[in-house]
Amino acid sequence: MKYWLVSCLAAALYLLAGAIIYQRLRRGSAPAGMTKTTVIALGIMAVVLHAFVLRSTLPVHEGLNLALTNAISLVAWAMAALFLLTALYKPIANLGIVVMPATGLSVLAAWLWPGPPVILATGSPLQSLHIIMSVLAYGLLTLAVIQSLLWLAQEQQLRQRQAGTLLHAFPPLETMERLMFQLITLGFVLLTLTLVSGAMFSEQLFNKPLRFTHHVVLSLLSWLVFAVLLFGRWHFGWRGRPAVRWTLSGFALLALAYFGTKFVMEIVLGR
C-alpha cells in the first residue's frame, strides 16, 4: 500500500475517533461502554497504520531521519499509543478530544511537509534504548500537559458556574489532577533516565563528548522545573493552578530544547 494512502487512512481514523469523543462529551458524558470500545479500536488501527508510516519514513541507510515533522509525528505516535494503553484502566478517555485529532494532524504534516532530512546515526542497543526512553518521556509529559490544560478549562468553567458544556462530562477535578501528577511522575522518571544516559554515554551515543548546547541546557532546566514541581507536590501539597503553571513551564522548556532547536535550524536557518 502506498505511503500517502496509509498516511491518509491513519489520519482519518484518528480524526474519526476524536469526533466520536467530541460527540459523546457534547451529550454530557465521557466515552464509556461501546463508545469507548469503538474509540479504542479505531485508535489502535490508527496507531498500527501510523507505525507503518513511521517505518517507511524514519529509517534511512545512515540511521534515523528525525526531521522536524518526522520527529513530531514520532512523539505524537507515542502519545497516542500511551493514551490508548492508559485509557484501558484509567478515566482519561476525555483526553482523546485533543490527542486523537492532534496525532492525525501530525501524520498529515509529516506527509505534506517532510522537510530536509536530519539524520541521527544509530546502530547500538544503547542508542535505541536512549531514543525509546526520550520518545516515551515526551509522550507522557505531553499527555500530562493536555490533562493540565483540560483541568484548567474545567476549573475555569466551575468558577464561572457554567454547565452543560463538553467539560461538564469530565471526571472531578481531584481525579484529573491526580492523573496529571501520575503522568508527570512517569514522564519525569523517563526524562531522568534519558538525560543520565545521554550524559554518561555521550561518546557512544553521539560519537562526541558531552557539550552544554542549547538542547542540553534547556532539557536540564526542564528537568529541574519538573523536579521542583514533584517535590512541591510531595512536601508542600502543591496543586491547582500553581501546579498547572509549573507543568506548562517545564514542558515549554522541553519543547524548546528539541522542537524549538530543530525549528530554528531547519526552518529559519535552513540547515
C-alpha atoms as a PDB file:
ATOM      1  CA  MET A   1       0.000   0.000   0.000  1.00  0.00           C
ATOM      2  CA  LYS A   2       1.291   3.446  -0.928  1.00  0.00           C
ATOM      3  CA  TYR A   3       2.749   5.630   1.783  1.00  0.00           C
ATOM      4  CA  TRP A   4       0.408   8.565   1.142  1.00  0.00           C
ATOM      5  CA  LEU A   5      -2.670   6.334   1.296  1.00  0.00           C
ATOM      6  CA  VAL A   6      -1.620   4.807   4.621  1.00  0.00           C
ATOM      7  CA  SER A   7      -0.978   8.308   5.977  1.00  0.00           C
ATOM      8  CA  CYS A   8      -4.456   9.459   4.950  1.00  0.00           C
ATOM      9  CA  LEU A   9      -6.114   6.355   6.408  1.00  0.00           C
ATOM     10  CA  ALA A  10      -4.269   6.754   9.726  1.00  0.00           C
ATOM     11  CA  ALA A  11      -5.156  10.449   9.915  1.00  0.00           C
ATOM     12  CA  ALA A  12      -8.816   9.718   9.063  1.00  0.00           C
ATOM     13  CA  LEU A  13      -9.084   7.096  11.819  1.00  0.00           C
ATOM     14  CA  TYR A  14      -7.518   9.438  14.369  1.00  0.00           C
ATOM     15  CA  LEU A  15      -9.892  12.239  13.405  1.00  0.00           C
ATOM     16  CA  LEU A  16     -12.907   9.893  13.453  1.00  0.00           C
ATOM     17  CA  ALA A  17     -12.017   8.709  16.959  1.00  0.00           C
ATOM     18  CA  GLY A  18     -11.688  12.332  18.068  1.00  0.00           C
ATOM     19  CA  ALA A  19     -15.064  13.200  16.514  1.00  0.00           C
ATOM     20  CA  ILE A  20     -16.771  10.323  18.369  1.00  0.00           C
ATOM     21  CA  ILE A  21     -15.300  11.505  21.671  1.00  0.00           C
ATOM     22  CA  TYR A  22     -16.428  15.059  20.915  1.00  0.00           C
ATOM     23  CA  GLN A  23     -19.980  13.957  20.176  1.00  0.00           C
ATOM     24  CA  ARG A  24     -20.128  11.909  23.374  1.00  0.00           C
ATOM     25  CA  LEU A  25     -18.800  14.770  25.512  1.00  0.00           C
ATOM     26  CA  ARG A  26     -21.305  17.148  23.930  1.00  0.00           C
ATOM     27  CA  ARG A  27     -24.055  14.918  25.298  1.00  0.00           C
ATOM     28  CA  GLY A  28     -22.677  15.370  28.788  1.00  0.00           C
ATOM     29  CA  SER A  29     -20.959  12.033  29.408  1.00  0.00           C
ATOM     30  CA  ALA A  30     -17.449  10.655  28.982  1.00  0.00           C
ATOM     31  CA  PRO A  31     -16.864   7.829  26.465  1.00  0.00           C
ATOM     32  CA  ALA A  32     -17.885   4.518  28.046  1.00  0.00           C
ATOM     33  CA  GLY A  33     -19.167   1.107  27.062  1.00  0.00           C
ATOM     34  CA  MET A  34     -19.382   0.530  23.319  1.00  0.00           C
ATOM     35  CA  THR A  35     -18.381   4.126  22.588  1.00  0.00           C
ATOM     36  CA  LYS A  36     -15.118   3.732  24.477  1.00  0.00           C
ATOM     37  CA  THR A  37     -14.518   0.346  22.842  1.00  0.00           C
ATOM     38  CA  THR A  38     -15.107   1.878  19.405  1.00  0.00           C
ATOM     39  CA  VAL A  39     -12.742   4.753  20.117  1.00  0.00           C
ATOM     40  CA  ILE A  40     -10.000   2.417  21.346  1.00  0.00           C
ATOM     41  CA  ALA A  41     -10.484   0.091  18.354  1.00  0.00           C
ATOM     42  CA  LEU A  42     -10.249   2.991  15.904  1.00  0.00           C
ATOM     43  CA  GLY A  43      -7.245   4.332  17.818  1.00  0.00           C
ATOM     44  CA  ILE A  44      -5.431   1.003  17.697  1.00  0.00           C
ATOM     45  CA  MET A  45      -5.970   0.716  13.953  1.00  0.00           C
ATOM     46  CA  ALA A  46      -4.739   4.280  13.512  1.00  0.00           C
ATOM     47  CA  VAL A  47      -1.658   3.652  15.681  1.00  0.00           C
ATOM     48  CA  VAL A  48      -0.808   0.494  13.692  1.00  0.00           C
ATOM     49  CA  LEU A  49      -1.112   2.331  10.373  1.00  0.00           C
ATOM     50  CA  HIS A  50       0.845   5.239  11.818  1.00  0.00           C
ATOM     51  CA  ALA A  51       3.602   2.786  12.788  1.00  0.00           C
ATOM     52  CA  PHE A  52       3.775   1.602   9.164  1.00  0.00           C
ATOM     53  CA  VAL A  53       4.123   5.239   8.085  1.00  0.00           C
ATOM     54  CA  LEU A  54       6.962   5.806  10.540  1.00  0.00           C
ATOM     55  CA  ARG A  55       8.583   2.565   9.424  1.00  0.00           C
ATOM     56  CA  SER A  56       8.632   3.990   5.891  1.00  0.00           C
ATOM     57  CA  THR A  57       9.900   7.467   6.756  1.00  0.00           C
ATOM     58  CA  LEU A  58      12.174   7.198   9.801  1.00  0.00           C
ATOM     59  CA  PRO A  59      14.804   4.546   8.910  1.00  0.00           C
ATOM     60  CA  VAL A  60      17.416   5.562   6.344  1.00  0.00           C
ATOM     61  CA  HIS A  61      20.702   3.950   5.416  1.00  0.00           C
ATOM     62  CA  GLU A  62      22.714   6.091   7.836  1.00  0.00           C
ATOM     63  CA  GLY A  63      20.303   5.860  10.795  1.00  0.00           C
ATOM     64  CA  LEU A  64      17.020   7.674  11.538  1.00  0.00           C
ATOM     65  CA  ASN A  65      15.577  10.650   9.694  1.00  0.00           C
ATOM     66  CA  LEU A  66      14.432  12.920  12.535  1.00  0.00           C
ATOM     67  CA  ALA A  67      13.429  15.967  10.519  1.00  0.00           C
ATOM     68  CA  LEU A  68      11.077  18.336  12.353  1.00  0.00           C
ATOM     69  CA  THR A  69       7.722  16.942  11.165  1.00  0.00           C
ATOM     70  CA  ASN A  70       9.016  13.364  11.361  1.00  0.00           C
ATOM     71  CA  ALA A  71      10.070  13.918  14.978  1.00  0.00           C
ATOM     72  CA  ILE A  72       6.693  15.484  15.837  1.00  0.00           C
ATOM     73  CA  SER A  73       4.905  12.552  14.200  1.00  0.00           C
ATOM     74  CA  LEU A  74       7.015  10.063  16.198  1.00  0.00           C
ATOM     75  CA  VAL A  75       6.277  11.773  19.527  1.00  0.00           C
ATOM     76  CA  ALA A  76       2.582  12.063  18.626  1.00  0.00           C
ATOM     77  CA  TRP A  77       2.501   8.329  17.827  1.00  0.00           C
ATOM     78  CA  ALA A  78       3.993   7.540  21.243  1.00  0.00           C
ATOM     79  CA  MET A  79       1.492   9.905  22.876  1.00  0.00           C
ATOM     80  CA  ALA A  80      -1.461   8.233  21.119  1.00  0.00           C
ATOM     81  CA  ALA A  81      -0.225   4.721  21.957  1.00  0.00           C
ATOM     82  CA  LEU A  82       0.297   5.648  25.621  1.00  0.00           C
ATOM     83  CA  PHE A  83      -3.117   7.306  25.719  1.00  0.00           C
ATOM     84  CA  LEU A  84      -4.861   4.196  24.386  1.00  0.00           C
ATOM     85  CA  LEU A  85      -2.979   1.936  26.777  1.00  0.00           C
ATOM     86  CA  THR A  86      -3.746   4.139  29.783  1.00  0.00           C
ATOM     87  CA  ALA A  87      -7.401   4.607  28.782  1.00  0.00           C
ATOM     88  CA  LEU A  88      -7.949   0.876  29.272  1.00  0.00           C
ATOM     89  CA  TYR A  89      -7.697   1.224  33.044  1.00  0.00           C
ATOM     90  CA  LYS A  90      -7.708   4.984  33.841  1.00  0.00           C
ATOM     91  CA  PRO A  91     -10.517   7.539  33.269  1.00  0.00           C
ATOM     92  CA  ILE A  92      -8.629   9.614  30.716  1.00  0.00           C
ATOM     93  CA  ALA A  93     -10.746   8.920  27.616  1.00  0.00           C
ATOM     94  CA  ASN A  94     -11.665  12.631  27.551  1.00  0.00           C
ATOM     95  CA  LEU A  95      -8.050  13.432  26.629  1.00  0.00           C
ATOM     96  CA  GLY A  96      -8.750  11.867  23.257  1.00  0.00           C
ATOM     97  CA  ILE A  97     -10.605  15.004  22.214  1.00  0.00           C
ATOM     98  CA  VAL A  98      -7.154  16.585  21.857  1.00  0.00           C
ATOM     99  CA  VAL A  99      -4.834  13.577  21.456  1.00  0.00           C
ATOM    100  CA  MET A 100      -6.585  11.913  18.517  1.00  0.00           C
ATOM    101  CA  PRO A 101      -7.011  14.960  16.227  1.00  0.00           C
ATOM    102  CA  ALA A 102      -3.537  16.300  17.089  1.00  0.00           C
ATOM    103  CA  THR A 103      -1.915  12.969  16.210  1.00  0.00           C
ATOM    104  CA  GLY A 104      -3.890  12.772  12.974  1.00  0.00           C
ATOM    105  CA  LEU A 105      -2.704  16.243  12.001  1.00  0.00           C
ATOM    106  CA  SER A 106       0.893  15.268  12.795  1.00  0.00           C
ATOM    107  CA  VAL A 107       0.642  12.377  10.314  1.00  0.00           C
ATOM    108  CA  LEU A 108      -0.626  14.720   7.603  1.00  0.00           C
ATOM    109  CA  ALA A 109       2.058  17.304   8.415  1.00  0.00           C
ATOM    110  CA  ALA A 110       4.836  14.712   8.089  1.00  0.00           C
ATOM    111  CA  TRP A 111       3.438  13.652   4.715  1.00  0.00           C
ATOM    112  CA  LEU A 112       2.775  17.131   3.287  1.00  0.00           C
ATOM    113  CA  TRP A 113       5.883  18.885   4.690  1.00  0.00           C
ATOM    114  CA  PRO A 114       8.636  16.285   5.111  1.00  0.00           C
ATOM    115  CA  GLY A 115      11.392  18.908   5.198  1.00  0.00           C
ATOM    116  CA  PRO A 116      15.099  18.278   4.663  1.00  0.00           C
ATOM    117  CA  PRO A 117      16.358  15.029   6.236  1.00  0.00           C
ATOM    118  CA  VAL A 118      18.087  15.265   9.613  1.00  0.00           C
ATOM    119  CA  ILE A 119      19.985  12.045  10.202  1.00  0.00           C
ATOM    120  CA  LEU A 120      20.660  10.597  13.644  1.00  0.00           C
ATOM    121  CA  ALA A 121      23.156   7.770  13.341  1.00  0.00           C
ATOM    122  CA  THR A 122      22.071   4.601  15.151  1.00  0.00           C
ATOM    123  CA  GLY A 123      23.371   1.092  15.475  1.00  0.00           C
ATOM    124  CA  SER A 124      23.932   0.103  19.094  1.00  0.00           C
ATOM    125  CA  PRO A 125      21.279  -1.161  21.547  1.00  0.00           C
ATOM    126  CA  LEU A 126      22.214   1.734  23.851  1.00  0.00           C
ATOM    127  CA  GLN A 127      21.292   4.257  21.162  1.00  0.00           C
ATOM    128  CA  SER A 128      17.968   2.545  20.533  1.00  0.00           C
ATOM    129  CA  LEU A 129      17.167   2.465  24.268  1.00  0.00           C
ATOM    130  CA  HIS A 130      18.055   6.148  24.627  1.00  0.00           C
ATOM    131  CA  ILE A 131      15.751   7.104  21.747  1.00  0.00           C
ATOM    132  CA  ILE A 132      12.890   4.955  23.065  1.00  0.00           C
ATOM    133  CA  MET A 133      13.137   6.467  26.545  1.00  0.00           C
ATOM    134  CA  SER A 134      13.231  10.018  25.201  1.00  0.00           C
ATOM    135  CA  VAL A 135      10.208   9.466  22.942  1.00  0.00           C
ATOM    136  CA  LEU A 136       8.197   7.880  25.766  1.00  0.00           C
ATOM    137  CA  ALA A 137       9.154  10.733  28.113  1.00  0.00           C
ATOM    138  CA  TYR A 138       7.953  13.306  25.570  1.00  0.00           C
ATOM    139  CA  GLY A 139       4.753  11.329  25.024  1.00  0.00           C
ATOM    140  CA  LEU A 140       3.903  11.029  28.729  1.00  0.00           C
ATOM    141  CA  LEU A 141       4.706  14.663  29.506  1.00  0.00           C
ATOM    142  CA  THR A 142       2.642  15.794  26.511  1.00  0.00           C
ATOM    143  CA  LEU A 143      -0.319  13.832  27.874  1.00  0.00           C
ATOM    144  CA  ALA A 144       0.258  15.485  31.256  1.00  0.00           C
ATOM    145  CA  VAL A 145       0.188  18.924  29.641  1.00  0.00           C
ATOM    146  CA  ILE A 146      -3.059  18.165  27.812  1.00  0.00           C
ATOM    147  CA  GLN A 147      -4.513  16.919  31.093  1.00  0.00           C
ATOM    148  CA  SER A 148      -3.398  20.099  32.853  1.00  0.00           C
ATOM    149  CA  LEU A 149      -4.959  22.323  30.189  1.00  0.00           C
ATOM    150  CA  LEU A 150      -8.270  20.456  30.369  1.00  0.00           C
ATOM    151  CA  TRP A 151      -8.128  20.705  34.172  1.00  0.00           C
ATOM    152  CA  LEU A 152      -7.599  24.455  33.852  1.00  0.00           C
ATOM    153  CA  ALA A 153     -10.516  24.837  31.441  1.00  0.00           C
ATOM    154  CA  GLN A 154     -12.788  22.734  33.651  1.00  0.00           C
ATOM    155  CA  GLU A 155     -11.797  24.658  36.764  1.00  0.00           C
ATOM    156  CA  GLN A 156     -12.468  27.964  34.984  1.00  0.00           C
ATOM    157  CA  GLN A 157     -15.943  26.871  33.989  1.00  0.00           C
ATOM    158  CA  LEU A 158     -16.706  25.731  37.522  1.00  0.00           C
ATOM    159  CA  ARG A 159     -15.596  29.141  38.806  1.00  0.00           C
ATOM    160  CA  GLN A 160     -17.991  30.773  36.349  1.00  0.00           C
ATOM    161  CA  ARG A 161     -20.690  28.239  37.250  1.00  0.00           C
ATOM    162  CA  GLN A 162     -21.186  27.196  33.664  1.00  0.00           C
ATOM    163  CA  ALA A 163     -22.810  23.833  32.961  1.00  0.00           C
ATOM    164  CA  GLY A 164     -23.928  21.748  30.013  1.00  0.00           C
ATOM    165  CA  THR A 165     -20.646  22.056  28.112  1.00  0.00           C
ATOM    166  CA  LEU A 166     -18.090  19.494  26.978  1.00  0.00           C
ATOM    167  CA  LEU A 167     -16.090  19.821  30.165  1.00  0.00           C
ATOM    168  CA  HIS A 168     -19.143  19.070  32.291  1.00  0.00           C
ATOM    169  CA  ALA A 169     -18.672  15.388  31.360  1.00  0.00           C
ATOM    170  CA  PHE A 170     -15.084  15.230  32.639  1.00  0.00           C
ATOM    171  CA  PRO A 171     -14.093  13.454  35.875  1.00  0.00           C
ATOM    172  CA  PRO A 172     -13.889  15.511  39.106  1.00  0.00           C
ATOM    173  CA  LEU A 173     -11.027  17.991  39.363  1.00  0.00           C
ATOM    174  CA  GLU A 174      -9.323  15.887  42.035  1.00  0.00           C
ATOM    175  CA  THR A 175      -9.270  12.870  39.712  1.00  0.00           C
ATOM    176  CA  MET A 176      -7.978  14.956  36.801  1.00  0.00           C
ATOM    177  CA  GLU A 177      -5.236  16.412  38.981  1.00  0.00           C
ATOM    178  CA  ARG A 178      -4.195  13.038  40.378  1.00  0.00           C
ATOM    179  CA  LEU A 179      -3.900  11.565  36.878  1.00  0.00           C
ATOM    180  CA  MET A 180      -1.907  14.593  35.772  1.00  0.00           C
ATOM    181  CA  PHE A 181       0.684  14.018  38.502  1.00  0.00           C
ATOM    182  CA  GLN A 182       0.844  10.299  37.750  1.00  0.00           C
ATOM    183  CA  LEU A 183       1.680  11.107  34.119  1.00  0.00           C
ATOM    184  CA  ILE A 184       4.226  13.731  35.181  1.00  0.00           C
ATOM    185  CA  THR A 185       5.915  11.308  37.566  1.00  0.00           C
ATOM    186  CA  LEU A 186       6.297   8.579  34.940  1.00  0.00           C
ATOM    187  CA  GLY A 187       7.468  11.096  32.336  1.00  0.00           C
ATOM    188  CA  PHE A 188       9.945  12.602  34.793  1.00  0.00           C
ATOM    189  CA  VAL A 189      11.464   9.197  35.545  1.00  0.00           C
ATOM    190  CA  LEU A 190      11.975   8.509  31.846  1.00  0.00           C
ATOM    191  CA  LEU A 191      13.302  12.029  31.240  1.00  0.00           C
ATOM    192  CA  THR A 192      15.800  11.489  34.074  1.00  0.00           C
ATOM    193  CA  LEU A 193      16.968   8.208  32.557  1.00  0.00           C
ATOM    194  CA  THR A 194      17.271   9.894  29.154  1.00  0.00           C
ATOM    195  CA  LEU A 195      19.412  12.730  30.497  1.00  0.00           C
ATOM    196  CA  VAL A 196      21.578  10.411  32.602  1.00  0.00           C
ATOM    197  CA  SER A 197      22.202   8.029  29.707  1.00  0.00           C
ATOM    198  CA  GLY A 198      22.955  10.960  27.401  1.00  0.00           C
ATOM    199  CA  ALA A 199      25.460  12.404  29.865  1.00  0.00           C
ATOM    200  CA  MET A 200      27.166   9.130  30.772  1.00  0.00           C
ATOM    201  CA  PHE A 201      27.346   7.627  27.298  1.00  0.00           C
ATOM    202  CA  SER A 202      27.566  10.715  25.094  1.00  0.00           C
ATOM    203  CA  GLU A 203      30.522   9.417  23.068  1.00  0.00           C
ATOM    204  CA  GLN A 204      28.881   6.035  22.464  1.00  0.00           C
ATOM    205  CA  LEU A 205      25.531   7.642  21.595  1.00  0.00           C
ATOM    206  CA  PHE A 206      26.605  10.658  19.546  1.00  0.00           C
ATOM    207  CA  ASN A 207      30.283   9.977  18.801  1.00  0.00           C
ATOM    208  CA  LYS A 208      31.334  13.116  20.698  1.00  0.00           C
ATOM    209  CA  PRO A 209      31.808  14.174  24.331  1.00  0.00           C
ATOM    210  CA  LEU A 210      29.019  15.891  26.217  1.00  0.00           C
ATOM    211  CA  ARG A 211      28.661  19.573  25.370  1.00  0.00           C
ATOM    212  CA  PHE A 212      26.328  22.071  27.000  1.00  0.00           C
ATOM    213  CA  THR A 213      24.411  23.037  23.874  1.00  0.00           C
ATOM    214  CA  HIS A 214      21.056  24.848  23.866  1.00  0.00           C
ATOM    215  CA  HIS A 215      19.372  21.451  23.658  1.00  0.00           C
ATOM    216  CA  VAL A 216      21.172  20.117  26.743  1.00  0.00           C
ATOM    217  CA  VAL A 217      20.772  23.273  28.843  1.00  0.00           C
ATOM    218  CA  LEU A 218      17.056  23.624  28.100  1.00  0.00           C
ATOM    219  CA  SER A 219      16.488  19.919  28.798  1.00  0.00           C
ATOM    220  CA  LEU A 220      18.239  20.243  32.161  1.00  0.00           C
ATOM    221  CA  LEU A 221      16.176  23.333  33.023  1.00  0.00           C
ATOM    222  CA  SER A 222      13.010  21.439  32.119  1.00  0.00           C
ATOM    223  CA  TRP A 223      14.094  18.538  34.331  1.00  0.00           C
ATOM    224  CA  LEU A 224      14.724  20.973  37.182  1.00  0.00           C
ATOM    225  CA  VAL A 225      11.259  22.535  36.827  1.00  0.00           C
ATOM    226  CA  PHE A 226       9.553  19.137  36.934  1.00  0.00           C
ATOM    227  CA  ALA A 227      11.754  18.091  39.890  1.00  0.00           C
ATOM    228  CA  VAL A 228      10.726  21.208  41.852  1.00  0.00           C
ATOM    229  CA  LEU A 229       7.066  20.604  40.950  1.00  0.00           C
ATOM    230  CA  LEU A 230       7.104  16.995  42.158  1.00  0.00           C
ATOM    231  CA  PHE A 231       8.985  17.950  45.334  1.00  0.00           C
ATOM    232  CA  GLY A 232       6.479  20.733  45.987  1.00  0.00           C
ATOM    233  CA  ARG A 233       3.612  18.303  45.448  1.00  0.00           C
ATOM    234  CA  TRP A 234       5.129  15.751  47.828  1.00  0.00           C
ATOM    235  CA  HIS A 235       6.413  18.124  50.514  1.00  0.00           C
ATOM    236  CA  PHE A 236       4.055  21.114  50.372  1.00  0.00           C
ATOM    237  CA  GLY A 237       0.966  19.612  48.729  1.00  0.00           C
ATOM    238  CA  TRP A 238       1.092  21.889  45.665  1.00  0.00           C
ATOM    239  CA  ARG A 239      -1.989  21.613  43.493  1.00  0.00           C
ATOM    240  CA  GLY A 240      -4.354  23.593  41.325  1.00  0.00           C
ATOM    241  CA  ARG A 241      -3.295  26.479  39.144  1.00  0.00           C
ATOM    242  CA  PRO A 242       0.262  26.798  40.515  1.00  0.00           C
ATOM    243  CA  ALA A 243       0.883  23.142  39.657  1.00  0.00           C
ATOM    244  CA  VAL A 244      -0.502  23.685  36.154  1.00  0.00           C
ATOM    245  CA  ARG A 245       1.772  26.702  35.651  1.00  0.00           C
ATOM    246  CA  TRP A 246       4.836  24.689  36.699  1.00  0.00           C
ATOM    247  CA  THR A 247       3.772  21.863  34.364  1.00  0.00           C
ATOM    248  CA  LEU A 248       3.370  24.190  31.392  1.00  0.00           C
ATOM    249  CA  SER A 249       6.688  25.912  32.133  1.00  0.00           C
ATOM    250  CA  GLY A 250       8.584  22.632  32.311  1.00  0.00           C
ATOM    251  CA  PHE A 251       7.044  21.356  29.105  1.00  0.00           C
ATOM    252  CA  ALA A 252       7.676  24.634  27.281  1.00  0.00           C
ATOM    253  CA  LEU A 253      11.392  24.342  28.094  1.00  0.00           C
ATOM    254  CA  LEU A 254      11.413  20.711  26.979  1.00  0.00           C
ATOM    255  CA  ALA A 255       9.659  21.543  23.714  1.00  0.00           C
ATOM    256  CA  LEU A 256      12.110  24.376  23.069  1.00  0.00           C
ATOM    257  CA  ALA A 257      15.013  22.049  23.834  1.00  0.00           C
ATOM    258  CA  TYR A 258      14.179  19.783  20.936  1.00  0.00           C
ATOM    259  CA  PHE A 259      11.488  21.082  18.622  1.00  0.00           C
ATOM    260  CA  GLY A 260      12.434  24.736  19.061  1.00  0.00           C
ATOM    261  CA  THR A 261      16.057  23.994  18.213  1.00  0.00           C
ATOM    262  CA  LYS A 262      15.040  21.887  15.233  1.00  0.00           C
ATOM    263  CA  PHE A 263      12.644  24.602  14.023  1.00  0.00           C
ATOM    264  CA  VAL A 264      15.354  27.253  14.107  1.00  0.00           C
ATOM    265  CA  MET A 265      17.950  25.005  12.456  1.00  0.00           C
ATOM    266  CA  GLU A 266      15.689  23.541   9.755  1.00  0.00           C
ATOM    267  CA  ILE A 267      13.127  26.254   9.037  1.00  0.00           C
ATOM    268  CA  VAL A 268      14.803  29.538   9.972  1.00  0.00           C
ATOM    269  CA  LEU A 269      18.439  28.747   9.151  1.00  0.00           C
ATOM    270  CA  GLY A 270      17.699  26.040   6.563  1.00  0.00           C
ATOM    271  CA  ARG A 271      20.368  23.664   7.881  1.00  0.00           C
END
